[in-house]
Amino acid sequence: MISYVGCSAGLLKSVVFSGAPTLAVWGGAGGLALVHFTDWRLILDFVPYINGKFKTED
């Protein structure tokens, strides 16, 4: 366990958990930007429901 001098575990835990929603939003926005600015079809081929919409009959 990482310990910081003069910092209690409860305080460190509350600081980490208070930033979790912000990190989740930034991660979601980064993921959407990745899909938008890259070859989105290549990435969305791994999503089961959306993958069925792009099937072509040969």
Protein backbone atom coordinates (compact mmCIF):
# COMPACT_ATOMS: atom_id res chain seq x y z
CA MET A 1 0.00 0.00 0.00
CA ILE A 2 1.29 3.42 -0.87
CA SER A 3 1.49 5.68 2.16
CA TYR A 4 2.10 9.39 2.18
CA VAL A 5 3.67 11.13 5.14
CA GLY A 6 1.07 13.16 7.03
CA CYS A 7 -1.86 11.88 4.96
CA SER A 8 -4.44 9.52 6.39
CA ALA A 9 -5.86 6.67 4.31
CA GLY A 10 -9.40 8.04 4.63
CA LEU A 11 -8.40 11.42 3.22
CA LEU A 12 -6.50 9.84 0.35
CA LYS A 13 -9.45 7.57 -0.42
CA SER A 14 -11.90 10.49 -0.47
CA VAL A 15 -9.65 12.48 -2.80
CA VAL A 16 -9.36 9.56 -5.22
CA PHE A 17 -13.10 8.85 -5.22
CA SER A 18 -14.02 12.52 -5.64
CA GLY A 19 -12.08 12.62 -8.91
CA ALA A 20 -13.51 9.37 -10.30
CA PRO A 21 -16.57 10.93 -12.04
CA THR A 22 -14.36 13.50 -13.73
CA LEU A 23 -11.99 10.82 -14.97
CA ALA A 24 -14.95 8.78 -16.24
CA VAL A 25 -16.28 11.74 -18.24
CA TRP A 26 -12.85 12.51 -19.71
CA GLY A 27 -12.39 8.85 -20.60
CA GLY A 28 -15.77 8.71 -22.31
CA ALA A 29 -15.08 11.90 -24.24
CA GLY A 30 -11.68 10.56 -25.28
CA GLY A 31 -13.24 7.31 -26.44
CA LEU A 32 -15.83 9.15 -28.53
CA ALA A 33 -13.11 11.35 -30.02
CA LEU A 34 -11.09 8.25 -30.90
CA VAL A 35 -14.06 6.70 -32.70
CA HIS A 36 -14.88 9.98 -34.45
CA PHE A 37 -11.41 10.83 -35.71
CA THR A 38 -10.30 7.32 -36.68
CA ASP A 39 -11.77 4.69 -38.96
CA TRP A 40 -14.98 4.42 -36.95
CA ARG A 41 -16.26 1.40 -38.86
CA LEU A 42 -13.15 -0.60 -37.93
CA ILE A 43 -13.74 0.11 -34.24
CA LEU A 44 -17.54 -0.35 -34.33
CA ASP A 45 -17.21 -3.75 -36.02
CA PHE A 46 -16.47 -5.11 -32.53
CA VAL A 47 -19.83 -3.87 -31.12
CA PRO A 48 -22.31 -6.75 -31.56
CA TYR A 49 -25.54 -4.82 -32.28
CA ILE A 50 -23.95 -2.27 -34.59
CA ASN A 51 -21.84 -4.90 -36.35
CA GLY A 52 -24.99 -6.52 -37.79
CA LYS A 53 -26.03 -3.30 -39.52
CA PHE A 54 -22.92 -3.22 -41.72
CA LYS A 55 -23.09 -6.76 -43.06
CA THR A 56 -22.89 -6.94 -46.83
CA GLU A 57 -24.20 -9.87 -48.79
CA ASP A 58 -21.65 -11.15 -51.26
